[in-house]
């Protein structure tokens, strides 16, 4: 009986360890980041680096990957996607919709905009391209429906060297597709450290979106494996460590019209790019 008793104790101990490990990955109210509905992107989107929905409709998903100047359109969970070319090869990192225009961000801080109605053409010719941001690396782009301003976050910018902040820029998209800079803001990395340990690393955002229901900004970082939530004043309200088994390379984030949360992963060394859906739960999780 002694060997069986020993095995029983070992199993109980392992279960306790697993439960303890599981609870180390927390979630914001109304979402359970540990239990997603997982969908696989088509193979042409293995390097997916940004996602957005037209009018919040999950059947009208726009995505782009960080090597080709293509915008892909599909339904969440589709096995294939159509695309339209807007530019040549480049390191494109995020996508958003501002009014009647699609806007894309290249990693060097350049913007590419075109009318939303042209997304179904074979190639877009009415593209406005310009670089107006300071030297740095950028991956996060979002639009606020309350004022239609465009928001960008630095991933790694010269202005943030030797500081504990992450700088962002506020822009406005004009009717002709031109982007103009209107202001700036910053997120204090030390505020993030109150919730999770950055382990000596600077905060490196890889995607940004706005929760229209709560008026909060949700920011994901692939390098830090974090989801950070800030208010309209850009003060940190929450930060959650992400399970690397689910979030191997999170590069895109968006909400649909029902306030469900989506986070996209590049394939990386897993072989498949994924779209993770987290259902909104009224009473939380």
Protein backbone atom coordinates (compact mmCIF):
# COMPACT_ATOMS: atom_id res chain seq x y z
CA UNK A 1 0.00 0.00 0.00
CA UNK A 2 2.90 2.35 0.70
CA UNK A 3 3.89 2.73 -2.99
CA UNK A 4 0.27 3.52 -3.94
CA UNK A 5 0.02 6.06 -1.16
CA UNK A 6 3.26 7.67 -2.33
CA UNK A 7 1.96 7.88 -5.90
CA UNK A 8 -1.30 9.41 -4.66
CA UNK A 9 0.54 12.09 -2.70
CA UNK A 10 2.74 12.84 -5.73
CA UNK A 11 -0.32 13.26 -7.97
CA UNK A 12 -1.99 15.61 -5.51
CA UNK A 13 1.20 17.65 -5.26
CA UNK A 14 1.49 17.89 -9.08
CA UNK A 15 -2.14 19.00 -9.37
CA UNK A 16 -1.59 21.66 -6.76
CA UNK A 17 1.50 22.89 -8.59
CA UNK A 18 -0.39 23.04 -11.88
CA UNK A 19 -3.22 25.00 -10.31
CA UNK A 20 -0.77 27.41 -8.71
CA UNK A 21 1.01 27.90 -12.03
CA UNK A 22 -2.29 28.48 -13.82
CA UNK A 23 -3.39 31.23 -11.45
CA UNK A 24 -0.19 33.21 -12.09
CA UNK A 25 -1.74 34.41 -15.34
CA UNK A 26 -4.43 36.89 -14.33
CA UNK A 27 -7.14 38.49 -16.48
CA UNK A 28 -8.98 41.81 -16.65
CA UNK A 29 -12.62 42.02 -15.63
CA UNK A 30 -15.06 40.51 -18.13
CA UNK A 31 -12.41 38.39 -19.90
CA UNK A 32 -10.59 35.14 -19.20
CA UNK A 33 -7.23 35.32 -20.94
CA UNK A 34 -6.57 31.67 -20.14
CA UNK A 35 -9.57 30.28 -22.06
CA UNK A 36 -9.67 31.63 -25.62
CA UNK A 37 -11.52 30.43 -28.66
CA UNK A 38 -8.56 29.75 -30.94
CA UNK A 39 -8.69 30.16 -34.70
CA UNK A 40 -5.89 29.61 -37.23
CA UNK A 41 -5.07 32.22 -39.85
CA UNK A 42 -4.55 31.26 -43.50
CA UNK A 43 -0.93 30.48 -44.38
CA UNK A 44 -0.41 33.83 -46.14
CA UNK A 45 -0.96 35.53 -42.78
CA UNK A 46 1.70 33.62 -40.83
CA UNK A 47 3.41 36.97 -40.22
CA UNK A 48 0.19 38.77 -39.22
CA UNK A 49 1.15 41.92 -37.35
CA UNK A 50 -2.09 43.89 -37.07
CA UNK A 51 -5.87 43.42 -37.09
CA UNK A 52 -8.98 45.59 -37.08
CA UNK A 53 -12.71 45.20 -37.78
CA UNK A 54 -14.85 47.28 -40.13
CA UNK A 55 -17.60 48.74 -37.90
CA UNK A 56 -16.67 46.14 -35.28
CA UNK A 57 -18.07 43.35 -37.48
CA UNK A 58 -16.19 40.03 -36.91
CA UNK A 59 -17.25 39.03 -40.44
CA UNK A 60 -15.26 41.98 -41.81
CA UNK A 61 -11.76 41.53 -40.47
CA UNK A 62 -8.85 43.44 -41.98
CA UNK A 63 -5.30 42.24 -41.34
CA UNK A 64 -1.83 42.88 -42.66
CA UNK A 65 1.46 41.06 -42.36
CA UNK A 66 4.84 42.62 -41.77
CA UNK A 67 6.57 41.70 -45.03
CA UNK A 68 4.15 42.48 -47.87
CA UNK A 69 2.31 45.69 -48.67
CA UNK A 70 -1.01 43.85 -48.72
CA UNK A 71 -4.23 44.31 -46.77
CA UNK A 72 -6.11 41.04 -46.26
CA UNK A 73 -9.86 40.84 -45.71
CA UNK A 74 -11.68 37.84 -44.29
CA UNK A 75 -14.05 36.66 -41.59
CA UNK A 76 -12.63 35.65 -38.23
CA UNK A 77 -11.83 31.94 -38.53
CA UNK A 78 -11.74 31.78 -42.33
CA UNK A 79 -9.32 29.28 -43.89
CA UNK A 80 -8.52 31.60 -46.78
CA UNK A 81 -8.26 35.33 -47.33
CA UNK A 82 -8.38 37.81 -50.18
CA UNK A 83 -6.02 40.74 -50.37
CA UNK A 84 -5.37 44.05 -52.05
CA UNK A 85 -1.95 45.58 -52.68
CA UNK A 86 -1.31 49.08 -51.34
CA UNK A 87 2.52 49.26 -51.43
CA UNK A 88 5.71 47.28 -52.01
CA UNK A 89 7.52 45.08 -49.53
CA UNK A 90 8.18 46.59 -46.10
CA UNK A 91 7.93 46.11 -42.36
CA UNK A 92 4.24 46.95 -41.81
CA UNK A 93 3.16 46.65 -38.20
CA UNK A 94 -0.42 47.75 -37.57
CA UNK A 95 -3.71 48.71 -39.20
CA UNK A 96 -6.73 50.80 -38.19
CA UNK A 97 -9.78 52.50 -39.70
CA UNK A 98 -10.32 56.23 -39.31
CA UNK A 99 -13.64 57.40 -40.74
CA UNK A 100 -13.69 56.40 -44.40
CA UNK A 101 -9.97 55.58 -44.59
CA UNK A 102 -7.73 52.62 -43.85
CA UNK A 103 -4.48 53.63 -42.21
CA UNK A 104 -1.37 51.47 -41.89
CA UNK A 105 1.81 51.96 -39.88
CA UNK A 106 5.28 50.95 -41.01
CA UNK A 107 7.89 50.27 -38.34
CA UNK A 108 9.90 53.41 -39.20
CA UNK A 109 6.93 55.66 -38.38
CA UNK A 110 5.61 56.02 -41.94
CA UNK A 111 1.87 56.02 -42.63
CA UNK A 112 -0.03 54.67 -45.62
CA UNK A 113 -3.69 55.63 -46.06
CA UNK A 114 -6.33 54.89 -48.66
CA UNK A 115 -10.14 55.06 -48.94
CA UNK A 116 -11.87 52.13 -47.26
CA UNK A 117 -14.05 51.55 -50.32
CA UNK A 118 -10.96 50.62 -52.36
CA UNK A 119 -10.09 47.60 -50.23
CA UNK A 120 -11.80 45.27 -52.70
CA UNK A 121 -9.86 46.48 -55.74
CA UNK A 122 -6.99 44.40 -57.12
CA UNK A 123 -4.53 47.19 -56.42
CA UNK A 124 -4.98 50.52 -54.66
CA UNK A 125 -3.71 53.57 -56.49
CA UNK A 126 -5.02 56.38 -54.26
CA UNK A 127 -2.48 55.78 -51.49
CA UNK A 128 -1.12 58.66 -49.42
CA UNK A 129 2.28 57.89 -47.91
CA UNK A 130 4.25 60.06 -45.50
CA UNK A 131 6.70 59.89 -42.62
CA UNK A 132 6.11 62.44 -39.87
CA UNK A 133 7.17 60.73 -36.64
CA UNK A 134 10.58 61.10 -34.94
CA UNK A 135 13.24 58.45 -35.43
CA UNK A 136 12.32 55.20 -33.74
CA UNK A 137 10.59 51.84 -34.07
CA UNK A 138 6.79 51.73 -34.01
CA UNK A 139 4.31 48.82 -33.94
CA UNK A 140 1.13 50.14 -32.28
CA UNK A 141 -1.64 52.07 -34.02
CA UNK A 142 -5.27 52.70 -33.05
CA UNK A 143 -8.16 55.10 -33.63
CA UNK A 144 -10.57 56.44 -31.03
CA UNK A 145 -14.18 56.56 -32.22
CA UNK A 146 -14.94 59.34 -29.73
CA UNK A 147 -12.79 61.92 -31.53
CA UNK A 148 -11.45 59.97 -34.54
CA UNK A 149 -7.90 60.80 -33.49
CA UNK A 150 -5.10 58.41 -34.43
CA UNK A 151 -2.81 57.14 -31.67
CA UNK A 152 0.64 55.61 -32.04
CA UNK A 153 2.97 54.15 -29.40
CA UNK A 154 6.73 53.85 -29.61
CA UNK A 155 8.22 50.41 -29.37
CA UNK A 156 11.72 51.81 -29.10
CA UNK A 157 12.35 55.52 -29.73
CA UNK A 158 15.31 57.81 -29.19
CA UNK A 159 13.19 60.17 -27.10
CA UNK A 160 12.73 57.46 -24.46
CA UNK A 161 16.40 56.60 -24.02
CA UNK A 162 17.57 56.87 -20.40
CA UNK A 163 13.97 57.40 -19.23
CA UNK A 164 11.31 55.16 -17.69
CA UNK A 165 8.60 56.18 -20.12
CA UNK A 166 7.09 55.00 -23.38
CA UNK A 167 6.13 57.89 -25.65
CA UNK A 168 3.08 58.04 -27.88
CA UNK A 169 1.81 60.48 -30.49
CA UNK A 170 -1.66 61.83 -31.27
CA UNK A 171 -2.46 62.45 -34.92
CA UNK A 172 -5.38 63.49 -37.08
CA UNK A 173 -6.30 62.01 -40.44
CA UNK A 174 -7.56 64.66 -42.86
CA UNK A 175 -10.25 64.06 -45.47
CA UNK A 176 -7.64 63.72 -48.22
CA UNK A 177 -5.81 60.96 -46.32
CA UNK A 178 -2.99 63.16 -45.06
CA UNK A 179 -1.83 62.50 -41.49
CA UNK A 180 -0.85 65.44 -39.28
CA UNK A 181 0.70 65.32 -35.81
CA UNK A 182 -1.24 67.07 -33.04
CA UNK A 183 0.36 66.10 -29.74
CA UNK A 184 2.06 63.49 -27.61
CA UNK A 185 1.59 61.49 -24.41
CA UNK A 186 3.56 58.97 -22.37
CA UNK A 187 3.13 55.85 -20.25
CA UNK A 188 5.22 55.48 -17.11
CA UNK A 189 6.94 52.08 -17.06
CA UNK A 190 7.27 52.31 -13.28
CA UNK A 191 3.47 52.27 -13.02
CA UNK A 192 3.44 48.99 -14.93
CA UNK A 193 6.02 47.60 -12.50
CA UNK A 194 3.52 48.05 -9.66
CA UNK A 195 1.45 45.24 -11.19
CA UNK A 196 3.98 42.98 -12.92
CA UNK A 197 7.76 42.72 -12.99
CA UNK A 198 9.41 44.06 -16.11
CA UNK A 199 12.60 42.28 -15.06
CA UNK A 200 14.83 45.17 -16.02
CA UNK A 201 13.34 45.44 -19.52
CA UNK A 202 11.72 48.53 -20.96
CA UNK A 203 8.07 48.25 -21.98
CA UNK A 204 7.91 47.43 -25.71
CA UNK A 205 4.32 47.68 -27.06
CA UNK A 206 3.39 45.66 -30.14
CA UNK A 207 -0.32 46.57 -30.52
CA UNK A 208 -2.89 49.04 -29.21
CA UNK A 209 -6.68 49.30 -29.28
CA UNK A 210 -9.46 51.13 -27.47
CA UNK A 211 -12.21 49.49 -25.46
CA UNK A 212 -15.15 51.70 -26.40
CA UNK A 213 -17.31 50.32 -23.59
CA UNK A 214 -14.92 51.26 -20.78
CA UNK A 215 -12.97 54.09 -22.50
CA UNK A 216 -9.73 52.29 -21.74
CA UNK A 217 -6.75 51.48 -23.91
CA UNK A 218 -5.59 47.86 -24.15
CA UNK A 219 -1.92 47.46 -25.05
CA UNK A 220 -0.21 44.16 -25.76
CA UNK A 221 3.54 43.55 -25.72
CA UNK A 222 5.04 40.52 -27.42
CA UNK A 223 8.50 41.04 -25.95
CA UNK A 224 7.26 41.57 -22.39
CA UNK A 225 4.39 39.07 -22.73
CA UNK A 226 2.01 41.58 -21.15
CA UNK A 227 -1.45 43.08 -21.52
CA UNK A 228 -1.48 46.59 -20.06
CA UNK A 229 -4.66 48.62 -19.55
CA UNK A 230 -4.54 52.41 -19.24
CA UNK A 231 -7.19 55.09 -18.88
CA UNK A 232 -7.87 58.15 -21.02
CA UNK A 233 -5.16 59.93 -19.03
CA UNK A 234 -2.69 57.15 -19.97
CA UNK A 235 -2.26 56.19 -16.33
CA UNK A 236 -1.81 52.46 -15.83
CA UNK A 237 -4.87 50.76 -14.30
CA UNK A 238 -3.95 47.08 -14.77
CA UNK A 239 -1.22 44.85 -16.14
CA UNK A 240 -1.41 41.10 -16.74
CA UNK A 241 1.30 38.60 -17.61
CA UNK A 242 0.41 36.50 -20.65
CA UNK A 243 0.86 32.75 -20.87
CA UNK A 244 3.53 32.21 -23.57
CA UNK A 245 1.91 28.89 -24.50
CA UNK A 246 -1.12 30.85 -25.73
CA UNK A 247 0.57 34.12 -26.63
CA UNK A 248 3.72 32.97 -28.40
CA UNK A 249 4.04 36.22 -30.41
CA UNK A 250 1.09 38.59 -29.84
CA UNK A 251 1.25 41.37 -32.43
CA UNK A 252 -2.37 42.46 -32.98
CA UNK A 253 -5.35 43.40 -30.80
CA UNK A 254 -8.94 44.53 -31.48
CA UNK A 255 -12.49 44.53 -30.11
CA UNK A 256 -15.60 43.63 -32.07
CA UNK A 257 -18.94 45.44 -31.73
CA UNK A 258 -20.03 43.09 -28.93
CA UNK A 259 -16.90 44.00 -26.97
CA UNK A 260 -15.29 40.60 -27.45
CA UNK A 261 -11.52 40.86 -27.35
CA UNK A 262 -9.23 39.45 -30.08
CA UNK A 263 -5.46 39.04 -29.96
CA UNK A 264 -3.48 37.75 -32.93
CA UNK A 265 -0.21 35.79 -32.80
CA UNK A 266 2.39 35.59 -35.52
CA UNK A 267 3.37 32.01 -36.30
CA UNK A 268 6.94 32.37 -35.04
CA UNK A 269 8.39 28.91 -34.44
CA UNK A 270 4.94 27.33 -33.89
CA UNK A 271 4.12 27.00 -37.59
CA UNK A 272 0.66 28.62 -37.39
CA UNK A 273 -0.55 32.15 -36.83
CA UNK A 274 -3.54 32.27 -34.49
CA UNK A 275 -6.45 34.55 -33.69
CA UNK A 276 -7.55 34.27 -30.07
CA UNK A 277 -11.07 35.38 -29.18
CA UNK A 278 -12.02 36.19 -25.58
CA UNK A 279 -15.75 36.47 -25.06
CA UNK A 280 -17.04 39.44 -23.12
CA UNK A 281 -18.75 38.30 -19.92
CA UNK A 282 -21.07 40.83 -18.24
CA UNK A 283 -20.36 39.55 -14.72
CA UNK A 284 -16.64 39.04 -15.22
CA UNK A 285 -14.72 35.80 -14.84
